[in-house]
C-alpha atoms as a PDB file:
ATOM      1  CA  MET A   1     210.852-118.465 135.608  1.00  0.00           C
ATOM      2  CA  GLU A   2     214.265-117.441 134.244  1.00  0.00           C
ATOM      3  CA  LYS A   3     216.152-119.376 136.926  1.00  0.00           C
ATOM      4  CA  LEU A   4     214.074-122.498 136.309  1.00  0.00           C
ATOM      5  CA  GLN A   5     214.817-122.373 132.591  1.00  0.00           C
ATOM      6  CA  SER A   6     218.514-121.944 133.402  1.00  0.00           C
ATOM      7  CA  LEU A   7     218.443-124.999 135.662  1.00  0.00           C
ATOM      8  CA  ILE A   8     216.709-127.042 132.954  1.00  0.00           C
ATOM      9  CA  LYS A   9     219.501-126.109 130.531  1.00  0.00           C
ATOM     10  CA  THR A  10     222.132-127.024 133.123  1.00  0.00           C
ATOM     11  CA  ALA A  11     220.583-130.455 133.672  1.00  0.00           C
ATOM     12  CA  HIS A  12     220.474-131.041 129.914  1.00  0.00           C
ATOM     13  CA  GLN A  13     224.078-129.919 129.413  1.00  0.00           C
ATOM     14  CA  LEU A  14     225.296-132.303 132.114  1.00  0.00           C
ATOM     15  CA  ARG A  15     223.744-135.225 130.213  1.00  0.00           C
ATOM     16  CA  ALA A  16     224.713-134.051 126.726  1.00  0.00           C
ATOM     17  CA  PRO A  17     227.886-135.124 124.891  1.00  0.00           C
ATOM     18  CA  GLY A  18     230.879-133.499 126.531  1.00  0.00           C
ATOM     19  CA  GLY A  19     228.993-133.206 129.812  1.00  0.00           C
ATOM     20  CA  CYS A  20     229.229-135.362 132.937  1.00  0.00           C
ATOM     21  CA  PRO A  21     229.841-139.093 132.279  1.00  0.00           C
ATOM     22  CA  TRP A  22     227.991-140.095 135.462  1.00  0.00           C
ATOM     23  CA  ASP A  23     224.892-138.118 134.503  1.00  0.00           C
ATOM     24  CA  ALA A  24     224.975-139.569 130.998  1.00  0.00           C
ATOM     25  CA  GLU A  25     225.005-143.121 132.375  1.00  0.00           C
ATOM     26  CA  GLN A  26     221.905-142.737 134.544  1.00  0.00           C
ATOM     27  CA  THR A  27     218.490-144.261 133.844  1.00  0.00           C
ATOM     28  CA  HIS A  28     215.078-143.793 135.424  1.00  0.00           C
ATOM     29  CA  GLY A  29     215.715-146.970 137.394  1.00  0.00           C
ATOM     30  CA  SER A  30     219.178-146.024 138.637  1.00  0.00           C
ATOM     31  CA  LEU A  31     217.853-142.672 139.872  1.00  0.00           C
ATOM     32  CA  VAL A  32     215.156-144.154 142.109  1.00  0.00           C
ATOM     33  CA  GLN A  33     217.471-144.472 145.106  1.00  0.00           C
ATOM     34  CA  TYR A  34     218.407-140.792 144.860  1.00  0.00           C
ATOM     35  CA  LEU A  35     214.778-139.715 144.544  1.00  0.00           C
ATOM     36  CA  LEU A  36     214.005-141.641 147.730  1.00  0.00           C
ATOM     37  CA  GLU A  37     216.990-140.166 149.557  1.00  0.00           C
ATOM     38  CA  GLU A  38     216.223-136.602 148.503  1.00  0.00           C
ATOM     39  CA  THR A  39     212.562-136.994 149.425  1.00  0.00           C
ATOM     40  CA  HIS A  40     213.420-138.258 152.896  1.00  0.00           C
ATOM     41  CA  GLU A  41     215.904-135.407 153.346  1.00  0.00           C
ATOM     42  CA  LEU A  42     213.188-132.913 152.377  1.00  0.00           C
ATOM     43  CA  ILE A  43     210.786-134.472 154.871  1.00  0.00           C
ATOM     44  CA  GLU A  44     213.433-134.211 157.585  1.00  0.00           C
ATOM     45  CA  ALA A  45     214.061-130.561 156.708  1.00  0.00           C
ATOM     46  CA  ILE A  46     210.336-129.766 156.813  1.00  0.00           C
ATOM     47  CA  GLU A  47     209.976-131.433 160.188  1.00  0.00           C
ATOM     48  CA  SER A  48     212.955-129.458 161.509  1.00  0.00           C
ATOM     49  CA  GLY A  49     211.386-126.210 160.304  1.00  0.00           C
ATOM     50  CA  ASN A  50     214.743-124.911 159.068  1.00  0.00           C
ATOM     51  CA  ARG A  51     214.137-122.479 156.206  1.00  0.00           C
ATOM     52  CA  ASP A  52     217.538-122.812 154.559  1.00  0.00           C
ATOM     53  CA  GLU A  53     217.454-126.612 154.687  1.00  0.00           C
ATOM     54  CA  ILE A  54     213.950-126.719 153.209  1.00  0.00           C
ATOM     55  CA  LEU A  55     215.046-124.360 150.425  1.00  0.00           C
ATOM     56  CA  GLU A  56     218.017-126.598 149.602  1.00  0.00           C
ATOM     57  CA  GLU A  57     216.141-129.897 149.795  1.00  0.00           C
ATOM     58  CA  LEU A  58     213.268-128.600 147.662  1.00  0.00           C
ATOM     59  CA  GLY A  59     215.921-127.842 145.054  1.00  0.00           C
ATOM     60  CA  ASP A  60     217.294-131.380 145.268  1.00  0.00           C
ATOM     61  CA  VAL A  61     213.832-132.887 144.755  1.00  0.00           C
ATOM     62  CA  LEU A  62     213.115-130.464 141.906  1.00  0.00           C
ATOM     63  CA  TYR A  63     216.356-131.493 140.235  1.00  0.00           C
ATOM     64  CA  GLN A  64     215.277-135.142 140.335  1.00  0.00           C
ATOM     65  CA  VAL A  65     212.125-134.185 138.437  1.00  0.00           C
ATOM     66  CA  LEU A  66     214.181-132.239 135.888  1.00  0.00           C
ATOM     67  CA  PHE A  67     216.587-135.165 135.497  1.00  0.00           C
ATOM     68  CA  HIS A  68     213.803-137.650 134.777  1.00  0.00           C
ATOM     69  CA  ALA A  69     212.100-135.229 132.383  1.00  0.00           C
ATOM     70  CA  ASP A  70     215.354-134.693 130.494  1.00  0.00           C
ATOM     71  CA  LEU A  71     215.830-138.453 130.201  1.00  0.00           C
ATOM     72  CA  ALA A  72     212.285-138.836 128.897  1.00  0.00           C
ATOM     73  CA  SER A  73     212.808-136.037 126.366  1.00  0.00           C
ATOM     74  CA  GLN A  74     215.433-138.261 124.730  1.00  0.00           C
ATOM     75  CA  GLY A  75     212.929-141.095 124.239  1.00  0.00           C
ATOM     76  CA  SER A  76     213.975-143.209 127.240  1.00  0.00           C
ATOM     77  CA  LEU A  77     210.361-144.315 127.722  1.00  0.00           C
ATOM     78  CA  GLY A  78     209.272-144.518 124.110  1.00  0.00           C
ATOM     79  CA  GLU A  79     207.492-141.446 122.767  1.00  0.00           C
ATOM     80  CA  PRO A  80     209.451-138.475 124.128  1.00  0.00           C
ATOM     81  CA  PHE A  81     208.011-135.988 126.608  1.00  0.00           C
ATOM     82  CA  ASP A  82     209.617-133.107 128.471  1.00  0.00           C
ATOM     83  CA  LEU A  83     209.042-130.931 131.526  1.00  0.00           C
ATOM     84  CA  GLU A  84     206.477-128.833 129.647  1.00  0.00           C
ATOM     85  CA  ASP A  85     204.435-131.978 129.014  1.00  0.00           C
ATOM     86  CA  VAL A  86     204.737-132.948 132.677  1.00  0.00           C
ATOM     87  CA  ALA A  87     203.554-129.500 133.741  1.00  0.00           C
ATOM     88  CA  GLN A  88     200.670-129.554 131.261  1.00  0.00           C
ATOM     89  CA  LYS A  89     199.470-132.955 132.423  1.00  0.00           C
ATOM     90  CA  MET A  90     199.646-131.850 136.061  1.00  0.00           C
ATOM     91  CA  GLU A  91     197.794-128.614 135.361  1.00  0.00           C
ATOM     92  CA  ASN A  92     195.058-130.521 133.524  1.00  0.00           C
ATOM     93  CA  LYS A  93     194.723-132.867 136.492  1.00  0.00           C
ATOM     94  CA  MET A  94     194.513-130.047 139.035  1.00  0.00           C
ATOM     95  CA  ILE A  95     191.872-128.183 137.010  1.00  0.00           C
ATOM     96  CA  SER A  96     189.872-131.376 136.449  1.00  0.00           C
ATOM     97  CA  ARG A  97     189.906-132.294 140.137  1.00  0.00           C
ATOM     98  CA  HIS A  98     188.949-128.806 141.335  1.00  0.00           C
ATOM     99  CA  PRO A  99     185.697-128.055 139.511  1.00  0.00           C
ATOM    100  CA  HIS A 100     184.599-126.091 142.603  1.00  0.00           C
ATOM    101  CA  VAL A 101     187.343-123.608 141.665  1.00  0.00           C
ATOM    102  CA  PHE A 102     187.807-123.848 137.889  1.00  0.00           C
ATOM    103  CA  GLY A 103     184.485-125.284 136.723  1.00  0.00           C
ATOM    104  CA  THR A 104     181.369-123.719 135.301  1.00  0.00           C
ATOM    105  CA  ALA A 105     178.721-122.200 137.545  1.00  0.00           C
ATOM    106  CA  GLU A 106     176.912-125.534 137.376  1.00  0.00           C
ATOM    107  CA  ASP A 107     180.079-127.431 138.349  1.00  0.00           C
ATOM    108  CA  LYS A 108     180.741-125.089 141.264  1.00  0.00           C
ATOM    109  CA  GLU A 109     177.241-125.695 142.572  1.00  0.00           C
ATOM    110  CA  LYS A 110     177.396-129.460 142.024  1.00  0.00           C
ATOM    111  CA  TYR A 111     180.815-129.857 143.646  1.00  0.00           C
ATOM    112  CA  LEU A 112     180.401-127.185 146.291  1.00  0.00           C
ATOM    113  CA  ALA A 113     183.214-127.600 148.810  1.00  0.00           C
ATOM    114  CA  GLU A 114     183.178-125.582 151.997  1.00  0.00           C
ATOM    115  CA  THR A 115     185.607-127.761 153.960  1.00  0.00           C
ATOM    116  CA  GLY A 116     188.698-129.821 153.268  1.00  0.00           C
ATOM    117  CA  GLU A 117     186.626-132.953 153.876  1.00  0.00           C
ATOM    118  CA  ASP A 118     184.243-131.935 151.076  1.00  0.00           C
ATOM    119  CA  VAL A 119     187.213-131.532 148.745  1.00  0.00           C
ATOM    120  CA  VAL A 120     188.575-134.992 149.601  1.00  0.00           C
ATOM    121  CA  LYS A 121     185.213-136.633 148.867  1.00  0.00           C
ATOM    122  CA  ASN A 122     184.987-134.919 145.498  1.00  0.00           C
ATOM    123  CA  TRP A 123     188.654-135.716 144.776  1.00  0.00           C
ATOM    124  CA  GLU A 124     188.010-139.450 145.135  1.00  0.00           C
ATOM    125  CA  SER A 125     185.025-139.203 142.784  1.00  0.00           C
ATOM    126  CA  HIS A 126     187.087-137.384 140.161  1.00  0.00           C
ATOM    127  CA  LYS A 127     189.846-139.996 140.407  1.00  0.00           C
ATOM    128  CA  LYS A 128     187.308-142.748 139.690  1.00  0.00           C
ATOM    129  CA  LEU A 129     186.262-140.950 136.516  1.00  0.00           C
ATOM    130  CA  GLU A 130     189.903-140.481 135.453  1.00  0.00           C
ATOM    131  CA  LYS A 131     190.850-144.107 136.182  1.00  0.00           C
ATOM    132  CA  PRO A 132     187.880-146.176 134.935  1.00  0.00           C
ATOM    133  CA  GLY A 133     190.057-149.284 134.687  1.00  0.00           C
ATOM    134  CA  ARG A 134     190.530-149.477 138.434  1.00  0.00           C
ATOM    135  CA  THR A 135     188.331-152.070 140.109  1.00  0.00           C
ATOM    136  CA  SER A 136     189.391-151.574 143.724  1.00  0.00           C
ATOM    137  CA  ILE A 137     189.862-148.649 146.109  1.00  0.00           C
ATOM    138  CA  LEU A 138     193.343-150.090 146.640  1.00  0.00           C
ATOM    139  CA  ASP A 139     194.377-149.845 142.990  1.00  0.00           C
ATOM    140  CA  GLY A 140     197.093-147.246 142.696  1.00  0.00           C
ATOM    141  CA  VAL A 141     198.250-147.531 146.309  1.00  0.00           C
ATOM    142  CA  PRO A 142     202.063-147.906 146.068  1.00  0.00           C
ATOM    143  CA  GLN A 143     203.035-151.122 147.804  1.00  0.00           C
ATOM    144  CA  ALA A 144     206.634-149.935 148.132  1.00  0.00           C
ATOM    145  CA  MET A 145     205.598-147.446 150.816  1.00  0.00           C
ATOM    146  CA  PRO A 146     207.029-148.044 154.306  1.00  0.00           C
ATOM    147  CA  ALA A 147     204.803-150.572 156.075  1.00  0.00           C
ATOM    148  CA  LEU A 148     203.456-148.125 158.657  1.00  0.00           C
ATOM    149  CA  ALA A 149     202.555-145.484 156.066  1.00  0.00           C
ATOM    150  CA  LEU A 150     201.013-148.178 153.865  1.00  0.00           C
ATOM    151  CA  ALA A 151     198.877-149.469 156.738  1.00  0.00           C
ATOM    152  CA  SER A 152     197.557-145.964 157.415  1.00  0.00           C
ATOM    153  CA  LYS A 153     196.848-145.384 153.708  1.00  0.00           C
ATOM    154  CA  VAL A 154     195.024-148.689 153.249  1.00  0.00           C
ATOM    155  CA  MET A 155     192.943-148.282 156.395  1.00  0.00           C
ATOM    156  CA  GLY A 156     192.046-144.709 155.470  1.00  0.00           C
ATOM    157  CA  LYS A 157     190.734-145.769 152.067  1.00  0.00           C
ATOM    158  CA  ALA A 158     188.799-148.693 153.546  1.00  0.00           C
ATOM    159  CA  GLU A 159     187.231-146.471 156.202  1.00  0.00           C
ATOM    160  CA  LYS A 160     186.103-143.911 153.609  1.00  0.00           C
ATOM    161  CA  ALA A 161     184.517-146.674 151.542  1.00  0.00           C
ATOM    162  CA  GLY A 162     182.731-148.086 154.596  1.00  0.00           C
ATOM    163  CA  ILE A 163     184.549-151.395 154.226  1.00  0.00           C
ATOM    164  CA  LEU A 164     186.545-151.281 157.442  1.00  0.00           C
ATOM    165  CA  GLU A 165     184.615-151.554 160.698  1.00  0.00           C
ATOM    166  CA  THR A 166     186.084-148.564 162.494  1.00  0.00           C
ATOM    167  CA  SER A 167     183.990-149.278 165.576  1.00  0.00           C
ATOM    168  CA  GLU A 168     185.850-152.550 165.970  1.00  0.00           C
ATOM    169  CA  ILE A 169     189.307-150.945 166.006  1.00  0.00           C
ATOM    170  CA  PRO A 170     190.833-151.490 169.460  1.00  0.00           C
ATOM    171  CA  THR A 171     191.566-148.233 171.219  1.00  0.00           C
ATOM    172  CA  ILE A 172     194.907-147.748 172.954  1.00  0.00           C
ATOM    173  CA  PRO A 173     194.770-144.698 175.222  1.00  0.00           C
ATOM    174  CA  MET A 174     196.917-141.894 173.831  1.00  0.00           C
ATOM    175  CA  GLU A 175     196.544-138.170 173.331  1.00  0.00           C
ATOM    176  CA  THR A 176     199.721-137.024 171.579  1.00  0.00           C
ATOM    177  CA  GLU A 177     202.073-138.130 168.827  1.00  0.00           C
ATOM    178  CA  GLU A 178     204.818-138.224 171.444  1.00  0.00           C
ATOM    179  CA  GLN A 179     202.911-140.934 173.300  1.00  0.00           C
ATOM    180  CA  LEU A 180     202.274-142.753 170.039  1.00  0.00           C
ATOM    181  CA  GLY A 181     205.955-142.585 169.126  1.00  0.00           C
ATOM    182  CA  LYS A 182     206.991-144.090 172.443  1.00  0.00           C
ATOM    183  CA  LEU A 183     204.403-146.845 172.047  1.00  0.00           C
ATOM    184  CA  LEU A 184     205.687-147.688 168.574  1.00  0.00           C
ATOM    185  CA  LEU A 185     209.259-147.765 169.864  1.00  0.00           C
ATOM    186  CA  ALA A 186     208.169-150.120 172.648  1.00  0.00           C
ATOM    187  CA  ILE A 187     206.543-152.420 170.078  1.00  0.00           C
ATOM    188  CA  VAL A 188     209.698-152.427 167.961  1.00  0.00           C
ATOM    189  CA  ALA A 189     211.854-153.122 171.029  1.00  0.00           C
ATOM    190  CA  SER A 190     209.580-155.994 172.084  1.00  0.00           C
ATOM    191  CA  ALA A 191     209.702-157.475 168.586  1.00  0.00           C
ATOM    192  CA  ARG A 192     213.489-157.269 168.471  1.00  0.00           C
ATOM    193  CA  SER A 193     213.811-158.897 171.874  1.00  0.00           C
ATOM    194  CA  VAL A 194     212.207-162.064 170.518  1.00  0.00           C
ATOM    195  CA  GLY A 195     213.864-161.937 167.109  1.00  0.00           C
ATOM    196  CA  LEU A 196     210.886-160.671 165.088  1.00  0.00           C
ATOM    197  CA  ASP A 197     211.079-158.200 162.202  1.00  0.00           C
ATOM    198  CA  PRO A 198     208.415-155.508 162.816  1.00  0.00           C
ATOM    199  CA  GLU A 199     208.585-154.138 159.270  1.00  0.00           C
ATOM    200  CA  ARG A 200     208.112-157.560 157.707  1.00  0.00           C
ATOM    201  CA  ALA A 201     205.373-158.437 160.181  1.00  0.00           C
ATOM    202  CA  LEU A 202     203.404-155.302 159.371  1.00  0.00           C
ATOM    203  CA  ARG A 203     203.883-155.855 155.642  1.00  0.00           C
ATOM    204  CA  GLU A 204     202.368-159.322 155.976  1.00  0.00           C
ATOM    205  CA  ALA A 205     199.477-157.923 158.021  1.00  0.00           C
ATOM    206  CA  ASN A 206     198.979-155.276 155.303  1.00  0.00           C
ATOM    207  CA  ARG A 207     198.788-157.970 152.634  1.00  0.00           C
ATOM    208  CA  GLU A 208     196.185-159.905 154.625  1.00  0.00           C
ATOM    209  CA  LEU A 209     194.111-156.780 155.253  1.00  0.00           C
ATOM    210  CA  GLN A 210     194.222-155.784 151.592  1.00  0.00           C
ATOM    211  CA  ALA A 211     193.192-159.290 150.545  1.00  0.00           C
ATOM    212  CA  GLU A 212     190.149-159.060 152.841  1.00  0.00           C
ATOM    213  CA  ILE A 213     189.240-155.633 151.481  1.00  0.00           C
ATOM    214  CA  ARG A 214     189.475-156.811 147.871  1.00  0.00           C
ATOM    215  CA  ALA A 215     187.385-159.888 148.708  1.00  0.00           C
ATOM    216  CA  SER A 216     184.678-157.709 150.240  1.00  0.00           C
ATOM    217  CA  GLU A 217     184.683-155.504 147.131  1.00  0.00           C
ATOM    218  CA  LEU A 218     184.097-158.549 144.932  1.00  0.00           C
ATOM    219  CA  GLN A 219     181.059-159.360 147.059  1.00  0.00           C
ATOM    220  CA  GLY A 220     179.750-155.907 146.280  1.00  0.00           C
ATOM    221  CA  ASP A 221     179.119-155.117 149.945  1.00  0.00           C
ATOM    222  CA  PHE A 222     180.897-151.773 149.976  1.00  0.00           C
ATOM    223  CA  ASP A 223     179.025-150.002 152.713  1.00  0.00           C
ATOM    224  CA  ALA A 224     178.449-152.657 155.318  1.00  0.00           C
ATOM    225  CA  GLY A 225     181.773-152.471 157.107  1.00  0.00           C
ATOM    226  CA  VAL A 226     182.413-156.112 156.307  1.00  0.00           C
ATOM    227  CA  VAL A 227     186.122-156.146 157.145  1.00  0.00           C
ATOM    228  CA  ALA A 228     186.825-156.223 160.855  1.00  0.00           C
ATOM    229  CA  PHE A 229     190.095-154.773 162.134  1.00  0.00           C
ATOM    230  CA  PRO A 230     192.508-157.629 162.967  1.00  0.00           C
ATOM    231  CA  THR A 231     192.818-157.892 166.738  1.00  0.00           C
ATOM    232  CA  SER A 232     195.147-160.873 166.879  1.00  0.00           C
END
């Protein structure tokens, strides 16, 4: 980890007195736009499959993490914490959520996971134990996600909880992501032709769907599939 330690020192030196004025002026809030940009660039590199681009973009995302950790080490968020604290918290979380790997013999038997689906089910249970203050399956879902990704996330959680009536979801014939992509483009083109904003429209539909899901949770009817997929 010699190179990582060297990079941490470089990031700190850039923000220290006598370093880079721009770096010294940044805050957690001002860095958000760059975190988003670097993340999208990494996604693009991964989808292209280009090794050198992925290597570079992983570095850019890593540097964002180092930058935020260095800011926090100076007390920007109250009680200081640094990259070591971030790593420790993440390691604790990974060990806690993988008792089938790191647990006792009893834990490994209780949380036996032979498939990825088994792991996901256990993961959700562990998250509930870690976040006892959450009252909804939607708590913790970042609303700033792009509308399409948010819709998929919300529906996935509702389906797992048995709240969304999957049998009622209208089926549009398609077999590949290429077909899906063309369909989505056609929807966007149709919306634009009549002056509608597809992103805003889907965000509003997301809000309505989430409101229905939360209402069904309050009724305590978690497994009855009480929320029907909106068809109009």
